[in-house]
Amino acid sequence: MEFPKCEVLILNFSSDDEYLLPPFIENMPKLRALIIMNYSTSNCILNGFSVFSNLTNLRSLWLEKVFVPRLSTIPLKNLKKIYIILCKISNSLDQSAFPRLTELTIDHCDDLFQLPPCICAMPLLENLSVTNCHSLYQLPADLGRLQSLQILRLYACPALQTLPASICELLRLKYIDISQCVNLRCLPMDIGKLASLEKIDMRECSQISNLPKSAAALQSLRRVA
């Protein structure tokens, strides 16, 4: 099979063991979006990542209900968006290098305990969304290095108890969602430094009773939910 002009490919399959990526993907040099979705009741192992060697135009990758491979071994330097849904992550994100990534979404990944520090080396990242990851208890201390970040979504991560103080250095940040982080104790004391912050969503954060005094300096803040 050859589809040299294909730009979007959706692979739907059902497997609770292994799945071999089709070899014809390697002959899709114009592919821009690849969606891989497993409809089985359990996760499966992906094989055949050599097909990515020619996908220099790939911009968006969606992985659902699979064991995520070590992404550092996949040559996807031009990737801009990654969606990891209902997956087993283990250490797959460690040492990942995506210098052009603008959006990273991780949802319902129950074996994610810590976000790896390598995420802080993605200078163009604008949207970081980690949701429904019930085992996540720690964020990188250097999260403030993400100077392009505008959206930080940490919805329904009940094991998370603190936010790194460095998020107060995210001067382009417009939106923080920490709703249903039921064990989060407080917001960073210097949150008032976030001059661009427009909205904080902190519903069902019963441990947080007050905003830090510095929040009075948030001139762009329009809504606290």
Protein backbone atom coordinates (compact mmCIF):
# COMPACT_ATOMS: atom_id res chain seq x y z
CA MET A 1 0.00 0.00 0.00
CA GLU A 2 1.28 3.45 -0.92
CA PHE A 3 -0.27 6.77 0.01
CA PRO A 4 2.47 9.32 -0.71
CA LYS A 5 0.09 12.29 -0.44
CA CYS A 6 -1.62 11.23 2.79
CA GLU A 7 -1.54 13.91 5.50
CA VAL A 8 -3.77 12.37 8.20
CA LEU A 9 -3.87 8.71 9.25
CA ILE A 10 -6.12 7.11 11.90
CA LEU A 11 -5.25 3.59 12.99
CA ASN A 12 -8.10 1.92 14.89
CA PHE A 13 -7.47 -1.59 16.17
CA SER A 14 -8.15 -3.87 19.11
CA SER A 15 -5.33 -5.74 20.80
CA ASP A 16 -4.43 -6.59 24.39
CA ASP A 17 -1.03 -7.99 23.47
CA GLU A 18 1.05 -6.41 20.67
CA TYR A 19 0.42 -4.33 17.58
CA LEU A 20 2.84 -3.88 14.69
CA LEU A 21 2.68 -0.48 13.05
CA PRO A 22 1.93 -0.94 9.33
CA PRO A 23 5.09 -0.69 7.19
CA PHE A 24 3.32 1.50 4.63
CA ILE A 25 3.46 4.43 7.09
CA GLU A 26 7.12 4.79 6.17
CA ASN A 27 6.04 5.78 2.66
CA MET A 28 3.91 8.72 3.77
CA PRO A 29 6.39 11.61 3.69
CA LYS A 30 3.61 14.23 3.85
CA LEU A 31 1.93 12.76 6.92
CA ARG A 32 1.16 15.54 9.41
CA ALA A 33 -1.16 13.84 11.93
CA LEU A 34 -1.08 10.24 13.17
CA ILE A 35 -3.75 8.88 15.53
CA ILE A 36 -3.21 5.43 17.06
CA MET A 37 -6.19 4.13 19.05
CA ASN A 38 -6.53 0.74 20.69
CA TYR A 39 -10.14 -0.26 21.44
CA SER A 40 -9.26 -3.28 23.57
CA THR A 41 -10.07 -3.39 27.27
CA SER A 42 -6.35 -3.40 28.13
CA ASN A 43 -3.20 -1.73 26.85
CA CYS A 44 -1.03 -3.23 24.14
CA ILE A 45 2.62 -2.93 23.14
CA LEU A 46 3.46 -1.04 19.96
CA ASN A 47 6.18 -2.36 17.68
CA GLY A 48 7.69 -1.24 14.39
CA PHE A 49 8.69 2.33 15.17
CA SER A 50 11.23 2.27 12.37
CA VAL A 51 8.35 3.50 10.16
CA PHE A 52 8.81 6.95 11.73
CA SER A 53 12.21 7.45 10.10
CA ASN A 54 10.78 9.30 7.08
CA LEU A 55 8.00 11.24 8.83
CA THR A 56 9.79 14.57 8.94
CA ASN A 57 6.51 16.47 8.41
CA LEU A 58 4.66 14.82 11.30
CA ARG A 59 3.26 17.52 13.57
CA SER A 60 0.69 15.73 15.72
CA LEU A 61 0.77 12.30 17.42
CA TRP A 62 -2.14 10.74 19.35
CA LEU A 63 -1.56 7.55 21.37
CA GLU A 64 -4.44 5.84 23.15
CA LYS A 65 -4.49 2.74 25.36
CA VAL A 66 -0.99 1.53 24.52
CA PHE A 67 2.28 1.07 26.34
CA VAL A 68 4.08 4.23 25.30
CA PRO A 69 7.54 3.47 23.89
CA ARG A 70 10.59 5.46 24.90
CA LEU A 71 9.86 8.56 22.86
CA SER A 72 13.51 9.58 22.91
CA THR A 73 14.21 6.73 20.46
CA ILE A 74 11.73 8.05 17.87
CA PRO A 75 13.09 10.71 15.46
CA LEU A 76 10.27 13.27 15.65
CA LYS A 77 12.10 16.55 16.02
CA ASN A 78 9.39 18.55 14.21
CA LEU A 79 6.49 17.29 16.31
CA LYS A 80 4.32 20.05 17.76
CA LYS A 81 1.53 18.20 19.56
CA ILE A 82 1.48 14.95 21.55
CA TYR A 83 -1.62 13.41 23.11
CA ILE A 84 -1.14 10.43 25.46
CA ILE A 85 -4.51 9.04 26.56
CA LEU A 86 -5.27 6.02 28.77
CA CYS A 87 -1.70 4.82 28.27
CA LYS A 88 0.94 3.10 30.33
CA ILE A 89 3.79 5.57 30.44
CA SER A 90 6.37 4.08 32.82
CA ASN A 91 9.65 5.90 31.95
CA SER A 92 8.79 6.59 28.32
CA LEU A 93 9.05 10.37 28.67
CA ASP A 94 12.49 10.37 30.28
CA GLN A 95 15.09 12.13 28.13
CA SER A 96 12.50 12.95 25.47
CA ALA A 97 13.56 15.81 23.23
CA PHE A 98 10.92 17.67 21.25
CA PRO A 99 12.33 21.17 20.74
CA ARG A 100 9.31 22.36 18.70
CA LEU A 101 6.54 20.93 20.86
CA THR A 102 3.79 23.45 21.65
CA GLU A 103 1.19 21.17 23.24
CA LEU A 104 1.51 18.14 25.53
CA THR A 105 -1.59 16.36 26.82
CA ILE A 106 -1.49 13.42 29.22
CA ASP A 107 -4.84 12.05 30.38
CA HIS A 108 -5.90 9.04 32.46
CA CYS A 109 -2.40 7.57 32.71
CA ASP A 110 -2.44 5.77 36.05
CA ASP A 111 1.27 4.94 36.22
CA LEU A 112 2.48 8.52 35.90
CA PHE A 113 4.05 9.39 39.27
CA GLN A 114 6.36 12.28 38.35
CA LEU A 115 6.69 14.53 35.35
CA PRO A 116 10.29 14.14 34.15
CA PRO A 117 12.59 17.19 34.19
CA CYS A 118 13.16 16.88 30.43
CA ILE A 119 9.74 18.49 29.90
CA CYS A 120 11.27 21.75 31.13
CA ALA A 121 13.59 21.72 28.11
CA MET A 122 10.76 22.30 25.63
CA PRO A 123 11.13 26.05 25.04
CA LEU A 124 8.08 26.46 22.75
CA LEU A 125 5.58 24.58 24.92
CA GLU A 126 2.42 26.67 25.28
CA ASN A 127 -0.09 24.17 26.63
CA LEU A 128 0.71 21.54 29.28
CA SER A 129 -2.28 19.44 30.29
CA VAL A 130 -1.99 16.60 32.82
CA THR A 131 -5.45 15.40 33.81
CA ASN A 132 -7.00 12.47 35.66
CA CYS A 133 -3.56 11.09 36.54
CA HIS A 134 -4.35 9.88 40.04
CA SER A 135 -0.79 8.78 40.90
CA LEU A 136 0.96 12.02 39.96
CA TYR A 137 2.51 13.48 43.09
CA GLN A 138 5.39 15.65 41.84
CA LEU A 139 6.07 18.24 39.16
CA PRO A 140 9.56 19.27 38.04
CA ALA A 141 11.15 21.94 40.24
CA ASP A 142 12.28 23.81 37.11
CA LEU A 143 8.81 24.12 35.56
CA GLY A 144 9.43 27.87 35.43
CA ARG A 145 11.80 27.32 32.51
CA LEU A 146 8.77 26.90 30.23
CA GLN A 147 8.74 30.58 29.35
CA SER A 148 6.27 30.11 26.46
CA LEU A 149 3.66 28.35 28.61
CA GLN A 150 0.20 29.92 28.54
CA ILE A 151 -2.03 27.10 29.80
CA LEU A 152 -1.23 24.81 32.75
CA ARG A 153 -3.94 22.25 33.39
CA LEU A 154 -3.55 19.84 36.31
CA TYR A 155 -7.15 18.70 36.64
CA ALA A 156 -8.06 15.78 38.93
CA CYS A 157 -4.60 14.83 40.15
CA PRO A 158 -5.47 13.99 43.78
CA ALA A 159 -1.98 12.85 44.85
CA LEU A 160 -0.48 16.26 44.04
CA GLN A 161 0.15 18.22 47.24
CA THR A 162 2.34 21.13 46.14
CA LEU A 163 3.16 23.21 43.10
CA PRO A 164 6.78 24.17 42.41
CA ALA A 165 7.59 27.75 43.36
CA SER A 166 9.13 28.24 39.92
CA ILE A 167 5.71 28.43 38.24
CA CYS A 168 5.69 32.03 39.43
CA GLU A 169 8.30 32.66 36.72
CA LEU A 170 5.86 31.73 33.92
CA LEU A 171 5.23 35.30 32.86
CA ARG A 172 3.09 34.35 29.84
CA LEU A 173 0.80 32.04 31.80
CA LYS A 174 -2.86 32.95 31.32
CA TYR A 175 -4.75 30.00 32.78
CA ILE A 176 -4.16 27.58 35.67
CA ASP A 177 -6.54 24.69 36.29
CA ILE A 178 -5.95 22.79 39.53
CA SER A 179 -9.58 21.76 40.08
CA GLN A 180 -10.16 18.45 41.86
CA CYS A 181 -6.59 18.36 43.13
CA VAL A 182 -8.13 17.59 46.49
CA ASN A 183 -4.85 17.32 48.42
CA LEU A 184 -3.20 20.44 47.05
CA ARG A 185 -2.45 22.53 50.12
CA CYS A 186 -1.71 26.00 48.76
CA LEU A 187 -0.70 28.15 45.83
CA PRO A 188 2.89 29.45 45.62
CA MET A 189 3.45 32.56 47.72
CA ASP A 190 4.74 34.64 44.80
CA ILE A 191 1.84 33.90 42.46
CA GLY A 192 1.36 37.65 42.17
CA LYS A 193 4.28 37.71 39.73
CA LEU A 194 2.12 36.10 37.04
CA ALA A 195 1.28 39.35 35.29
CA SER A 196 -0.55 37.67 32.39
CA LEU A 197 -2.72 35.34 34.51
CA GLU A 198 -6.40 35.74 33.64
CA LYS A 199 -8.08 32.73 35.25
CA ILE A 200 -7.53 30.27 38.10
CA ASP A 201 -9.80 27.24 38.28
CA MET A 202 -9.55 25.64 41.72
CA ARG A 203 -12.91 23.97 42.24
CA GLU A 204 -12.99 21.15 44.79
CA CYS A 205 -9.61 22.11 46.21
CA SER A 206 -10.82 21.89 49.79
CA GLN A 207 -7.33 22.20 51.30
CA ILE A 208 -6.88 25.70 49.86
CA SER A 209 -8.81 28.22 51.90
CA ASN A 210 -7.12 31.46 50.82
CA LEU A 211 -5.08 32.93 48.02
CA PRO A 212 -1.60 34.23 48.88
CA LYS A 213 -1.42 37.95 49.65
CA SER A 214 0.61 38.51 46.50
CA ALA A 215 -2.47 37.57 44.45
CA ALA A 216 -3.65 41.15 44.93
CA ALA A 217 -1.03 42.13 42.32
CA LEU A 218 -2.66 40.00 39.60
CA GLN A 219 -3.87 42.88 37.45
CA SER A 220 -4.98 40.64 34.54
CA LEU A 221 -6.94 38.19 36.72
CA ARG A 222 -10.60 38.14 35.70
CA ARG A 223 -11.94 34.97 37.25
CA VAL A 224 -11.29 32.60 40.16
CA ALA A 225 -13.52 29.52 40.02
